[in-house]
Protein backbone atom coordinates (compact mmCIF):
# COMPACT_ATOMS: atom_id res chain seq x y z
CA UNK A 1 0.00 0.00 0.00
CA UNK A 2 1.34 3.43 -0.91
CA UNK A 3 2.34 5.76 1.89
CA UNK A 4 -0.37 8.29 2.82
CA UNK A 5 0.43 11.79 1.63
CA UNK A 6 0.60 14.31 4.48
CA UNK A 7 0.41 18.04 3.90
CA UNK A 8 1.83 20.51 6.42
CA UNK A 9 -1.38 22.55 6.01
CA UNK A 10 -3.04 19.91 8.22
CA UNK A 11 -0.72 20.86 11.10
CA UNK A 12 -1.24 24.63 11.06
CA UNK A 13 -2.41 26.45 14.19
CA UNK A 14 -5.72 28.26 13.40
CA UNK A 15 -4.60 31.22 15.56
CA UNK A 16 -0.97 31.97 14.47
CA UNK A 17 -1.29 30.17 11.08
CA UNK A 18 2.09 28.48 11.59
CA UNK A 19 3.12 24.93 12.39
CA UNK A 20 1.91 23.84 15.82
CA UNK A 21 4.24 24.50 18.77
CA UNK A 22 3.61 22.39 21.90
CA UNK A 23 0.29 21.20 20.41
CA UNK A 24 -2.69 20.73 22.77
CA UNK A 25 -6.08 19.26 21.85
CA UNK A 26 -9.36 20.49 23.34
CA UNK A 27 -12.34 18.25 24.23
CA UNK A 28 -14.00 19.30 20.93
CA UNK A 29 -11.08 17.78 18.99
CA UNK A 30 -9.45 20.97 17.67
CA UNK A 31 -5.73 21.53 18.28
CA UNK A 32 -3.77 24.72 18.96
CA UNK A 33 -0.36 25.92 20.04
CA UNK A 34 -0.40 25.91 23.82
CA UNK A 35 0.67 29.55 24.03
CA UNK A 36 -1.93 30.64 21.42
CA UNK A 37 -4.97 29.09 23.16
CA UNK A 38 -3.68 30.26 26.57
CA UNK A 39 -3.53 33.89 25.34
CA UNK A 40 -7.08 33.58 23.95
CA UNK A 41 -8.49 32.22 27.19
CA UNK A 42 -6.63 34.77 29.32
CA UNK A 43 -8.75 37.43 27.61
CA UNK A 44 -11.94 35.53 28.58
CA UNK A 45 -11.16 35.25 32.30
CA UNK A 46 -13.67 37.98 33.17
CA UNK A 47 -16.51 36.04 31.49
CA UNK A 48 -15.65 32.80 33.29
CA UNK A 49 -16.66 30.97 30.08
CA UNK A 50 -14.02 29.58 27.69
CA UNK A 51 -14.64 28.63 24.07
CA UNK A 52 -12.95 26.99 21.08
CA UNK A 53 -11.91 29.70 18.53
CA UNK A 54 -13.04 27.42 15.69
CA UNK A 55 -16.30 25.70 16.66
CA UNK A 56 -17.21 28.03 19.59
CA UNK A 57 -17.94 25.09 21.95
CA UNK A 58 -17.79 26.44 25.52
CA UNK A 59 -16.07 25.00 28.54
CA UNK A 60 -16.53 25.83 32.20
CA UNK A 61 -14.49 25.69 34.29
CA UNK A 62 -11.33 26.39 32.28
CA UNK A 63 -9.94 23.07 31.04
CA UNK A 64 -6.45 21.95 31.92
CA UNK A 65 -4.19 21.84 28.81
CA UNK A 66 -2.13 18.68 28.23
CA UNK A 67 0.44 18.24 25.43
CA UNK A 68 -0.67 16.01 22.55
CA UNK A 69 2.49 13.89 22.24
CA UNK A 70 1.44 12.05 19.06
CA UNK A 71 0.66 15.31 17.29
CA UNK A 72 3.91 16.81 18.57
CA UNK A 73 5.92 13.88 17.09
CA UNK A 74 4.20 14.25 13.70
CA UNK A 75 4.92 17.97 13.66
CA UNK A 76 8.59 17.33 14.46
CA UNK A 77 8.84 14.84 11.59
CA UNK A 78 7.18 17.32 9.28
CA UNK A 79 9.61 20.06 10.37
CA UNK A 80 12.58 17.84 9.45
CA UNK A 81 11.36 17.59 5.86
CA UNK A 82 9.98 21.12 5.63
CA UNK A 83 11.10 22.87 2.45
CA UNK A 84 11.99 26.50 1.82
CA UNK A 85 9.42 28.75 0.19
CA UNK A 86 11.31 28.82 -3.12
CA UNK A 87 10.53 25.08 -3.56
CA UNK A 88 6.94 25.98 -4.32
CA UNK A 89 6.10 26.30 -8.02
CA UNK A 90 5.85 29.88 -9.12
CA UNK A 91 4.97 31.63 -12.35
CA UNK A 92 6.80 29.93 -15.21
CA UNK A 93 7.85 26.90 -13.12
CA UNK A 94 6.87 23.31 -13.92
CA UNK A 95 4.54 22.00 -11.20
CA UNK A 96 4.71 18.57 -9.62
CA UNK A 97 1.85 16.47 -11.02
CA UNK A 98 1.52 14.45 -7.81
CA UNK A 99 1.42 17.19 -5.15
CA UNK A 100 -2.01 18.11 -3.75
CA UNK A 101 -2.94 21.57 -2.48
CA UNK A 102 -0.14 24.01 -3.05
CA UNK A 103 2.17 22.31 -5.55
CA UNK A 104 5.95 22.14 -5.34
CA UNK A 105 8.31 22.89 -8.18
CA UNK A 106 9.12 19.85 -10.31
CA UNK A 107 12.76 18.84 -10.70
CA UNK A 108 12.41 15.94 -13.16
CA UNK A 109 9.95 14.66 -15.76
CA UNK A 110 9.45 10.98 -16.61
CA UNK A 111 9.17 10.09 -20.30
CA UNK A 112 7.51 6.77 -19.43
CA UNK A 113 4.93 7.88 -16.87
CA UNK A 114 4.43 11.26 -18.65
CA UNK A 115 4.51 13.10 -15.30
CA UNK A 116 6.71 15.68 -13.59
CA UNK A 117 7.86 15.26 -9.97
CA UNK A 118 9.17 17.35 -7.10
CA UNK A 119 12.15 15.95 -5.23
CA UNK A 120 10.01 14.03 -2.68
CA UNK A 121 7.79 12.39 -5.28
CA UNK A 122 10.79 11.77 -7.53
CA UNK A 123 12.42 9.78 -4.72
CA UNK A 124 9.24 7.69 -4.36
CA UNK A 125 9.07 7.26 -8.15
CA UNK A 126 12.68 6.07 -8.30
CA UNK A 127 12.11 3.72 -5.35
CA UNK A 128 8.95 2.26 -6.89
CA UNK A 129 10.65 1.65 -10.26
CA UNK A 130 14.03 0.66 -8.88
CA UNK A 131 14.00 -2.74 -10.64
CA UNK A 132 13.46 -1.20 -14.08
CA UNK A 133 14.29 2.52 -13.88
CA UNK A 134 12.34 4.86 -16.11
CA UNK A 135 14.00 7.50 -18.30
CA UNK A 136 13.78 10.89 -16.62
CA UNK A 137 14.90 14.30 -17.87
CA UNK A 138 15.05 17.79 -16.38
CA UNK A 139 11.57 19.09 -15.62
CA UNK A 140 9.89 20.43 -18.71
CA UNK A 141 6.51 21.90 -19.51
CA UNK A 142 6.77 20.43 -23.01
CA UNK A 143 6.51 16.83 -21.85
CA UNK A 144 3.62 16.02 -24.19
CA UNK A 145 5.61 17.36 -27.14
CA UNK A 146 8.30 14.74 -26.43
CA UNK A 147 5.88 11.81 -26.68
CA UNK A 148 4.62 10.26 -29.90
CA UNK A 149 0.90 10.99 -29.98
CA UNK A 150 0.19 7.94 -32.10
CA UNK A 151 2.15 5.31 -30.15
CA UNK A 152 2.50 7.06 -26.77
CA UNK A 153 6.25 6.44 -26.84
CA UNK A 154 9.26 8.72 -26.40
CA UNK A 155 10.41 10.55 -29.51
CA UNK A 156 13.99 9.30 -29.54
CA UNK A 157 14.64 9.01 -33.30
CA UNK A 158 14.84 11.56 -36.11
CA UNK A 159 13.70 10.86 -39.66
CA UNK A 160 16.05 12.70 -42.02
CA UNK A 161 13.79 11.92 -44.98
CA UNK A 162 10.72 13.59 -43.48
CA UNK A 163 12.65 15.94 -41.15
CA UNK A 164 10.67 15.05 -38.03
CA UNK A 165 11.10 13.38 -34.65
CA UNK A 166 9.69 9.83 -34.36
CA UNK A 167 9.48 6.99 -31.83
CA UNK A 168 10.89 3.46 -32.26
CA UNK A 169 7.51 2.15 -33.42
CA UNK A 170 7.25 4.90 -36.04
CA UNK A 171 10.65 3.76 -37.32
CA UNK A 172 9.43 0.16 -37.64
CA UNK A 173 6.22 1.04 -39.48
CA UNK A 174 5.57 4.47 -41.01
CA UNK A 175 9.28 5.32 -41.55
CA UNK A 176 10.66 1.83 -42.12
CA UNK A 177 12.50 2.63 -45.37
CA UNK A 178 13.49 6.16 -44.39
CA UNK A 179 16.91 7.34 -43.29
CA UNK A 180 16.83 7.75 -39.52
CA UNK A 181 19.31 8.61 -36.77
CA UNK A 182 19.08 9.12 -33.04
CA UNK A 183 17.91 12.53 -31.85
CA UNK A 184 21.27 12.95 -30.10
CA UNK A 185 23.20 12.39 -33.35
CA UNK A 186 20.94 14.78 -35.25
CA UNK A 187 21.32 17.34 -32.44
CA UNK A 188 25.13 17.13 -32.79
CA UNK A 189 24.85 17.79 -36.51
CA UNK A 190 22.38 20.62 -36.12
CA UNK A 191 24.49 22.08 -33.30
CA UNK A 192 27.25 22.78 -35.81
CA UNK A 193 24.78 24.56 -38.09
CA UNK A 194 23.43 26.42 -35.08
CA UNK A 195 26.89 27.77 -34.25
CA UNK A 196 27.43 28.85 -37.85
CA UNK A 197 24.03 30.53 -37.92
CA UNK A 198 24.67 32.11 -34.55
CA UNK A 199 28.01 33.44 -35.76
CA UNK A 200 26.36 34.96 -38.83
CA UNK A 201 23.65 36.52 -36.68
CA UNK A 202 26.21 37.96 -34.28
CA UNK A 203 28.20 39.38 -37.17
CA UNK A 204 25.01 40.87 -38.54
CA UNK A 205 24.19 42.28 -35.10
CA UNK A 206 27.62 43.92 -34.96
CA UNK A 207 27.16 45.34 -38.44
CA UNK A 208 23.66 46.58 -37.62
CA UNK A 209 24.99 48.13 -34.41
CA UNK A 210 27.60 49.96 -36.46
CA UNK A 211 24.91 51.00 -38.94
CA UNK A 212 22.74 52.10 -36.02
CA UNK A 213 25.57 54.14 -34.55
CA UNK A 214 26.37 55.71 -37.90
CA UNK A 215 22.70 56.49 -38.47
CA UNK A 216 22.41 58.04 -35.01
CA UNK A 217 25.49 60.15 -35.71
CA UNK A 218 24.01 61.06 -39.10
CA UNK A 219 20.74 62.08 -37.44
CA UNK A 220 22.61 64.19 -34.87
CA UNK A 221 24.67 65.69 -37.66
CA UNK A 222 21.54 66.38 -39.70
CA UNK A 223 19.86 68.02 -36.70
CA UNK A 224 22.91 70.21 -36.12
CA UNK A 225 22.97 71.10 -39.81
CA UNK A 226 19.26 71.88 -39.76
CA UNK A 227 19.63 74.00 -36.64
CA UNK A 228 22.54 75.90 -38.16
CA UNK A 229 20.67 76.29 -41.46
CA UNK A 230 17.63 77.67 -39.62
CA UNK A 231 19.79 80.12 -37.67
CA UNK A 232 21.60 81.23 -40.83
CA UNK A 233 18.37 81.56 -42.81
CA UNK A 234 16.80 83.56 -39.97
CA UNK A 235 19.75 85.95 -40.05
CA UNK A 236 19.59 86.25 -43.84
CA UNK A 237 15.82 86.76 -43.88
CA UNK A 238 16.20 89.36 -41.15
CA UNK A 239 18.74 91.16 -43.34
CA UNK A 240 16.38 90.84 -46.34
CA UNK A 241 13.50 92.27 -44.29
CA UNK A 242 15.72 95.14 -43.14
CA UNK A 243 16.76 95.76 -46.73
CA UNK A 244 13.12 95.79 -47.84
CA UNK A 245 12.29 98.13 -44.96
CA UNK A 246 15.08 100.44 -46.09
CA UNK A 247 13.81 100.28 -49.68
CA UNK A 248 10.27 100.98 -48.50
CA UNK A 249 11.46 103.98 -46.53
CA UNK A 250 13.49 105.20 -49.49
CA UNK A 251 10.56 104.83 -51.92
CA UNK A 252 8.21 106.49 -49.43
CA UNK A 253 10.64 109.36 -48.96
CA UNK A 254 11.02 109.82 -52.70
CA UNK A 255 7.26 109.87 -53.16
CA UNK A 256 6.96 112.44 -50.37
CA UNK A 257 9.71 114.55 -51.92
CA UNK A 258 8.03 114.42 -55.33
CA UNK A 259 4.71 115.17 -53.67
CA UNK A 260 6.20 118.17 -51.86
CA UNK A 261 7.83 119.51 -55.03
CA UNK A 262 4.73 118.97 -57.18
CA UNK A 263 2.35 120.42 -54.59
CA UNK A 264 4.63 123.41 -54.02
CA UNK A 265 4.72 124.13 -57.74
CA UNK A 266 0.95 123.58 -58.02
CA UNK A 267 0.24 125.91 -55.11
CA UNK A 268 2.31 128.68 -56.74
CA UNK A 269 0.51 128.17 -59.97
CA UNK A 270 -2.86 128.17 -58.17
CA UNK A 271 -1.97 131.50 -56.62
CA UNK A 272 -0.96 132.99 -59.99
CA UNK A 273 -4.09 131.62 -61.68
CA UNK A 274 -6.28 133.10 -58.96
CA UNK A 275 -4.48 136.46 -59.33
CA UNK A 276 -4.91 136.37 -63.10
CA UNK A 277 -8.63 135.54 -62.78
CA UNK A 278 -9.08 138.45 -60.41
CA UNK A 279 -7.28 140.80 -62.83
CA UNK A 280 -9.40 139.59 -65.74
CA UNK A 281 -12.62 140.06 -63.75
CA UNK A 282 -11.57 143.56 -62.79
CA UNK A 283 -10.78 144.38 -66.47
CA UNK A 284 -14.12 142.87 -67.48
CA UNK A 285 -15.91 145.11 -64.98
CA UNK A 286 -14.07 148.18 -66.24
CA UNK A 287 -14.99 147.31 -69.84
CA UNK A 288 -18.59 146.74 -68.81
CA UNK A 289 -18.67 150.14 -67.15
CA UNK A 290 -17.04 151.74 -70.20
CA UNK A 291 -19.64 150.24 -72.49
CA UNK A 292 -22.36 152.23 -70.70
CA UNK A 293 -20.68 155.66 -70.76
CA UNK A 294 -22.34 158.42 -72.86
CA UNK A 295 -19.12 160.35 -73.31
CA UNK A 296 -17.69 159.41 -76.68
CA UNK A 297 -14.37 161.08 -76.01
CA UNK A 298 -13.88 159.24 -72.67
CA UNK A 299 -14.91 155.95 -74.29
CA UNK A 300 -12.35 156.27 -77.06
CA UNK A 301 -9.55 157.40 -74.74
CA UNK A 302 -10.22 154.66 -72.13
CA UNK A 303 -10.82 151.84 -74.60
CA UNK A 304 -7.31 152.24 -75.95
CA UNK A 305 -5.80 151.32 -72.56
CA UNK A 306 -8.40 148.71 -71.56
CA UNK A 307 -8.60 146.82 -74.82
CA UNK A 308 -5.32 144.90 -74.28
CA UNK A 309 -5.92 141.92 -71.82
CA UNK A 310 -3.70 141.65 -68.66
CA UNK A 311 -0.43 139.77 -69.05
CA UNK A 312 -0.60 136.08 -67.90
CA UNK A 313 1.53 135.24 -64.85
CA UNK A 314 1.19 131.40 -65.32
CA UNK A 315 4.09 129.22 -66.68
CA UNK A 316 3.37 128.59 -70.33
CA UNK A 317 3.42 125.01 -71.72
CA UNK A 318 3.23 123.16 -68.34
CA UNK A 319 0.40 120.56 -68.49
CA UNK A 320 -1.84 120.05 -65.53
CA UNK A 321 -1.60 116.21 -65.92
CA UNK A 322 1.98 116.23 -64.53
CA UNK A 323 0.59 115.86 -61.00
CA UNK A 324 -0.76 112.39 -61.76
CA UNK A 325 2.69 110.90 -62.65
CA UNK A 326 2.91 109.06 -59.26
CA UNK A 327 0.63 106.34 -60.60
CA UNK A 328 3.70 104.99 -62.41
CA UNK A 329 5.53 104.74 -59.09
CA UNK A 330 2.79 102.51 -57.64
CA UNK A 331 2.90 100.31 -60.70
CA UNK A 332 6.67 100.04 -60.37
CA UNK A 333 6.34 98.93 -56.74
CA UNK A 334 3.69 96.36 -57.71
CA UNK A 335 6.01 94.96 -60.38
CA UNK A 336 8.82 94.83 -57.82
CA UNK A 337 6.54 92.90 -55.45
CA UNK A 338 5.56 90.41 -58.13
CA UNK A 339 9.16 89.85 -59.21
CA UNK A 340 10.30 89.44 -55.60
CA UNK A 341 7.55 86.91 -54.91
CA UNK A 342 8.38 84.93 -58.06
CA UNK A 343 12.08 85.03 -57.22
CA UNK A 344 11.44 83.84 -53.65
CA UNK A 345 9.18 81.00 -54.83
CA UNK A 346 11.80 79.87 -57.34
CA UNK A 347 14.66 79.96 -54.82
CA UNK A 348 12.62 78.28 -52.07
CA UNK A 349 11.74 75.49 -54.53
CA UNK A 350 15.43 75.09 -55.36
CA UNK A 351 16.25 74.97 -51.65
CA UNK A 352 13.47 72.42 -51.07
CA UNK A 353 14.65 70.26 -53.96
CA UNK A 354 18.21 70.49 -52.73
CA UNK A 355 17.24 69.46 -49.20
CA UNK A 356 15.05 66.63 -50.49
CA UNK A 357 17.70 65.00 -52.63
CA UNK A 358 20.82 65.71 -50.58
CA UNK A 359 22.28 62.66 -48.84
CA UNK A 360 22.79 63.03 -45.11
CA UNK A 361 25.68 60.58 -45.39
CA UNK A 362 27.36 60.43 -48.81
CA UNK A 363 28.28 56.86 -49.73
CA UNK A 364 29.59 56.68 -53.27
CA UNK A 365 32.26 58.85 -54.83
CA UNK A 366 29.62 60.56 -56.96
CA UNK A 367 27.79 61.48 -53.73
CA UNK A 368 30.96 63.15 -52.45
CA UNK A 369 31.84 64.82 -55.74
CA UNK A 370 28.69 66.95 -55.60
CA UNK A 371 30.45 68.80 -52.76
CA UNK A 372 33.85 69.00 -54.49
CA UNK A 373 35.73 72.29 -54.40
CA UNK A 374 38.68 73.52 -56.44
CA UNK A 375 41.59 74.39 -54.15
CA UNK A 376 44.41 76.82 -54.77
CA UNK A 377 47.53 77.04 -52.64
CA UNK A 378 48.25 80.22 -50.75
CA UNK A 379 51.72 81.27 -51.95
CA UNK A 380 52.07 83.54 -48.92
CA UNK A 381 52.00 80.53 -46.56
CA UNK A 382 54.22 77.95 -48.35
CA UNK A 383 57.49 77.06 -46.60
CA UNK A 384 60.61 77.94 -48.59
CA UNK A 385 61.72 74.29 -48.62
CA UNK A 386 58.63 73.34 -50.63
CA UNK A 387 58.61 73.71 -54.39
CA UNK A 388 55.39 74.23 -56.35
CA UNK A 389 54.95 72.95 -59.89
CA UNK A 390 52.31 72.07 -62.52
CA UNK A 391 50.57 75.42 -62.17
CA UNK A 392 51.03 75.36 -58.39
CA UNK A 393 49.09 72.11 -57.98
CA UNK A 394 51.99 69.84 -56.97
CA UNK A 395 53.93 70.32 -53.73
CA UNK A 396 57.38 68.71 -53.47
CA UNK A 397 59.97 68.82 -50.71
CA UNK A 398 63.31 70.20 -51.87
CA UNK A 399 66.56 70.78 -50.01
CA UNK A 400 66.98 74.13 -51.73
CA UNK A 401 65.27 77.26 -50.48
CA UNK A 402 62.87 78.75 -52.99
CA UNK A 403 62.97 82.50 -53.69
CA UNK A 404 59.66 83.27 -52.03
CA UNK A 405 59.45 86.78 -50.58
CA UNK A 406 59.16 87.16 -46.83
CA UNK A 407 55.60 87.30 -45.59
CA UNK A 408 54.04 87.25 -42.08
CA UNK A 409 51.75 84.34 -43.11
CA UNK A 410 54.60 82.06 -44.26
CA UNK A 411 55.53 78.90 -42.29
CA UNK A 412 59.19 79.60 -41.68
CA UNK A 413 60.20 76.28 -40.06
CA UNK A 414 57.74 73.44 -40.72
CA UNK A 415 57.37 72.21 -44.33
CA UNK A 416 53.72 73.25 -44.53
CA UNK A 417 51.33 75.17 -46.74
CA UNK A 418 47.68 76.27 -46.48
CA UNK A 419 45.07 76.76 -49.19
CA UNK A 420 43.51 80.13 -49.88
CA UNK A 421 39.92 78.83 -49.83
CA UNK A 422 38.12 78.33 -46.53
CA UNK A 423 35.77 75.41 -45.96
CA UNK A 424 32.15 76.34 -45.29
CA UNK A 425 29.09 74.10 -45.30
CA UNK A 426 29.85 70.75 -46.93
CA UNK A 427 33.09 70.44 -48.83
CA UNK A 428 35.07 67.58 -50.45
CA UNK A 429 38.49 67.45 -52.10
CA UNK A 430 41.00 64.79 -53.18
CA UNK A 431 44.79 64.60 -53.28
CA UNK A 432 47.36 62.10 -54.48
CA UNK A 433 50.59 61.63 -52.56
CA UNK A 434 53.90 59.86 -53.16
CA UNK A 435 56.98 59.19 -51.09
CA UNK A 436 57.48 58.24 -47.47
CA UNK A 437 55.32 60.61 -45.42
CA UNK A 438 52.85 63.48 -45.84
CA UNK A 439 50.28 65.15 -43.56
CA UNK A 440 46.80 65.92 -44.92
CA UNK A 441 45.23 68.50 -42.64
CA UNK A 442 42.63 71.15 -41.99
CA UNK A 443 43.42 74.15 -39.84
CA UNK A 444 42.10 77.42 -38.53
CA UNK A 445 43.68 80.44 -40.18
CA UNK A 446 44.80 81.63 -36.75
CA UNK A 447 47.41 78.84 -36.43
CA UNK A 448 50.89 80.17 -35.61
CA UNK A 449 53.41 80.32 -38.47
CA UNK A 450 56.76 81.19 -36.89
CA UNK A 451 59.13 78.87 -35.04
CA UNK A 452 59.40 75.18 -34.15
CA UNK A 453 56.72 75.12 -31.44
CA UNK A 454 53.79 72.69 -31.37
CA UNK A 455 51.47 75.63 -31.91
CA UNK A 456 52.72 75.79 -35.52
CA UNK A 457 52.60 72.10 -36.50
CA UNK A 458 49.49 70.53 -37.99
CA UNK A 459 47.83 68.09 -35.55
CA UNK A 460 49.82 69.17 -32.48
CA UNK A 461 47.47 71.92 -31.28
CA UNK A 462 43.78 72.68 -30.90
CA UNK A 463 43.85 74.72 -34.12
CA UNK A 464 44.34 71.83 -36.54
CA UNK A 465 43.41 68.21 -37.39
CA UNK A 466 45.81 66.01 -39.36
CA UNK A 467 45.98 62.57 -41.03
CA UNK A 468 49.61 61.38 -41.15
CA UNK A 469 50.15 59.10 -44.16
CA UNK A 470 53.21 56.87 -44.40
CA UNK A 471 54.05 53.87 -46.55
CA UNK A 472 53.01 51.48 -43.74
CA UNK A 473 50.44 53.23 -41.54
CA UNK A 474 47.90 55.97 -40.97
CA UNK A 475 47.86 58.12 -37.83
CA UNK A 476 45.36 60.80 -36.86
CA UNK A 477 46.45 63.71 -34.66
CA UNK A 478 44.67 66.58 -32.95
CA UNK A 479 45.93 68.68 -30.04
CA UNK A 480 48.91 66.26 -29.55
CA UNK A 481 46.54 63.28 -29.15
CA UNK A 482 47.64 60.46 -31.45
CA UNK A 483 45.29 57.78 -32.81
CA UNK A 484 46.88 54.86 -34.65
CA UNK A 485 44.54 53.59 -37.35
CA UNK A 486 44.23 49.95 -38.54
CA UNK A 487 45.63 49.18 -41.98
CA UNK A 488 45.45 46.14 -44.20
CA UNK A 489 48.51 43.94 -44.55
CA UNK A 490 48.42 42.54 -48.04
CA UNK A 491 50.46 39.96 -49.89
CA UNK A 492 51.04 39.89 -53.63
CA UNK A 493 51.65 42.49 -56.28
CA UNK A 494 49.26 44.91 -57.99
CA UNK A 495 50.23 47.27 -60.79
CA UNK A 496 48.26 50.36 -61.79
CA UNK A 497 49.02 53.32 -64.01
CA UNK A 498 51.02 55.15 -61.29
CA UNK A 499 52.55 52.73 -58.84
CA UNK A 500 53.42 49.20 -57.81
CA UNK A 501 51.84 48.18 -54.54
CA UNK A 502 50.82 45.26 -52.41
CA UNK A 503 47.32 43.77 -52.93
CA UNK A 504 45.41 40.53 -51.73
CA UNK A 505 44.20 39.20 -48.24
CA UNK A 506 40.51 40.16 -48.18
CA UNK A 507 40.13 38.97 -44.58
CA UNK A 508 42.34 41.69 -43.13
CA UNK A 509 40.82 44.72 -41.44
CA UNK A 510 41.47 48.40 -42.01
CA UNK A 511 42.39 50.38 -45.12
CA UNK A 512 45.28 49.61 -47.42
CA UNK A 513 47.91 52.37 -47.33
CA UNK A 514 48.92 51.55 -50.88
CA UNK A 515 45.93 53.54 -52.14
CA UNK A 516 47.62 56.91 -52.52
CA UNK A 517 44.53 58.95 -53.39
CA UNK A 518 42.91 60.45 -50.29
CA UNK A 519 39.49 62.11 -50.15
CA UNK A 520 38.66 64.63 -47.41
CA UNK A 521 35.03 65.43 -46.53
CA UNK A 522 34.02 68.22 -44.15
CA UNK A 523 30.53 69.13 -42.93
CA UNK A 524 31.46 72.31 -41.08
CA UNK A 525 28.09 73.02 -39.45
CA UNK A 526 27.69 69.37 -38.39
CA UNK A 527 31.26 69.22 -37.05
CA UNK A 528 32.22 66.19 -39.17
CA UNK A 529 35.67 65.57 -40.63
CA UNK A 530 36.30 62.31 -42.57
CA UNK A 531 39.22 60.87 -44.54
CA UNK A 532 38.71 58.26 -47.24
CA UNK A 533 40.96 56.03 -49.31
CA UNK A 534 39.77 56.51 -52.89
CA UNK A 535 40.02 53.63 -55.37
CA UNK A 536 37.17 51.75 -57.00
CA UNK A 537 35.27 52.33 -53.76
CA UNK A 538 35.36 54.83 -50.91
CA UNK A 539 37.03 53.20 -47.86
CA UNK A 540 36.71 55.17 -44.65
CA UNK A 541 40.08 55.71 -42.96
CA UNK A 542 38.94 57.80 -40.02
CA UNK A 543 36.16 60.17 -39.05
CA UNK A 544 35.96 62.63 -36.17
CA UNK A 545 32.97 64.41 -34.65
CA UNK A 546 33.65 67.79 -33.06
CA UNK A 547 32.56 71.44 -33.12
CA UNK A 548 34.33 73.85 -35.46
CA UNK A 549 34.38 77.41 -34.14
CA UNK A 550 36.20 79.03 -37.10
CA UNK A 551 36.42 78.51 -40.86
CA UNK A 552 38.73 75.66 -41.87
CA UNK A 553 41.54 75.81 -44.41
CA UNK A 554 43.01 72.69 -46.09
CA UNK A 555 46.73 72.29 -45.41
CA UNK A 556 49.58 69.91 -46.20
CA UNK A 557 52.92 68.88 -44.70
CA UNK A 558 55.45 67.31 -47.08
CA UNK A 559 58.59 65.55 -45.88
CA UNK A 560 61.80 64.67 -47.72
CA UNK A 561 61.28 62.58 -50.84
CA UNK A 562 57.51 63.10 -50.81
CA UNK A 563 55.01 65.12 -52.82
CA UNK A 564 51.31 66.02 -52.81
CA UNK A 565 49.16 66.70 -55.86
CA UNK A 566 45.80 68.50 -55.71
CA UNK A 567 43.31 66.52 -57.80
């Protein structure tokens, strides 16, 4: 006969809700901790009637309390096998199929009995089947998925033909002529594929994380560019509005001046016309009076002087319509308004189209070339040990001083030169270099020019940023901080139209230094400076994110045996 299952809930004190301590049993049959029932009855001393807290049966006088030794022994046995609270099954745990009441967490599942067991019931299961042990596995909530639904047997085989798990009976009947292996063997094979797939996924995760970071940087850069563009456009529109206000004031003043001049002339003419009318009326009255005189002699003598009309005081040949000429001014202003509106619409459309189709992050060389700028070297800055050739587009180190005139902007010690053009907005340029070492840089115009101090050398101060290119490495410098950049180590020989260089090993990381054409991309408002190796593709060498506080000027440092050509 199987052992009776005992739950510790049956040995709980109804008062303290814990396991019984010094258990006592009342005449009604209910049991309590001795201290718990004593405290209850001490509160009922005044009533002289004592009751059971559960069934309310009363006792009088107060019963004597004797220890229930059998119950005490059972409680002690239960305490010895009492489990911690974390043995109970919680959310997401596999429950023991045998436990009653509050279930414990299962530790194993039997593939024969199709049940899961806690440690206690597992021990009983193992003891019961000790002669022919059953196959048990770690507790799983997918126990039914591991059993063949047709034959109620463990799925311990794998049919490669049908790509499904089967039991031994399935193998003998439905899959008799199929290729089958054990699930363990198939797991080993699939484990290899899993690792390969996992490696690909992790590589893809890394790539996507890089893409995510680049996109975030691009978004930040775009936001900075947009903010700068808004600020610049606000300033420009403010200047335009001020200019229009000035033009409005000027036009208004001119109209007022013309009005004042025209009105002044008209008022003088009005006065003369009024005077002339008065003179004519007076002459008319005199002639009227003369026409009624009876004295022929007086009539003839007076008519001689009154017959000639008074002289006109008005300006001859000046038309009255001249006062209406300001209508042309209004028409001119209307035409100006229409032209300004059309011009603004056209330019805003161009701006909108430009913003719509501009790449936030140029990818291909054609994307970069839309920002290309022609550079010219500033002859006032070139060091005397540098010789310029090919229409001042090639810079070569020479041991002989060149006859450049003295100039305060000239680098007198370091073999450096700046370009005349400053970098604003987005700008891209390319150079080709030869020899052992050159520096490709951008710098503020305020960089020092005289002496051997770090304040004069590209990359060694906070005024300049420099990519140092040698035959074996790339190094980025800013404010004396050096960053060594990864380069590809290649084996083999490649010949192009300019040079012989190393080529092969596609598994290496970095950028091959044998590509001697370098592209430089600057987004001044976004604070982005990037260097690229230019060949069939654009390979990023290094990029830096910062804040530029002044216009940038491209610059170059050329060492012995080296040269730089502006492309």
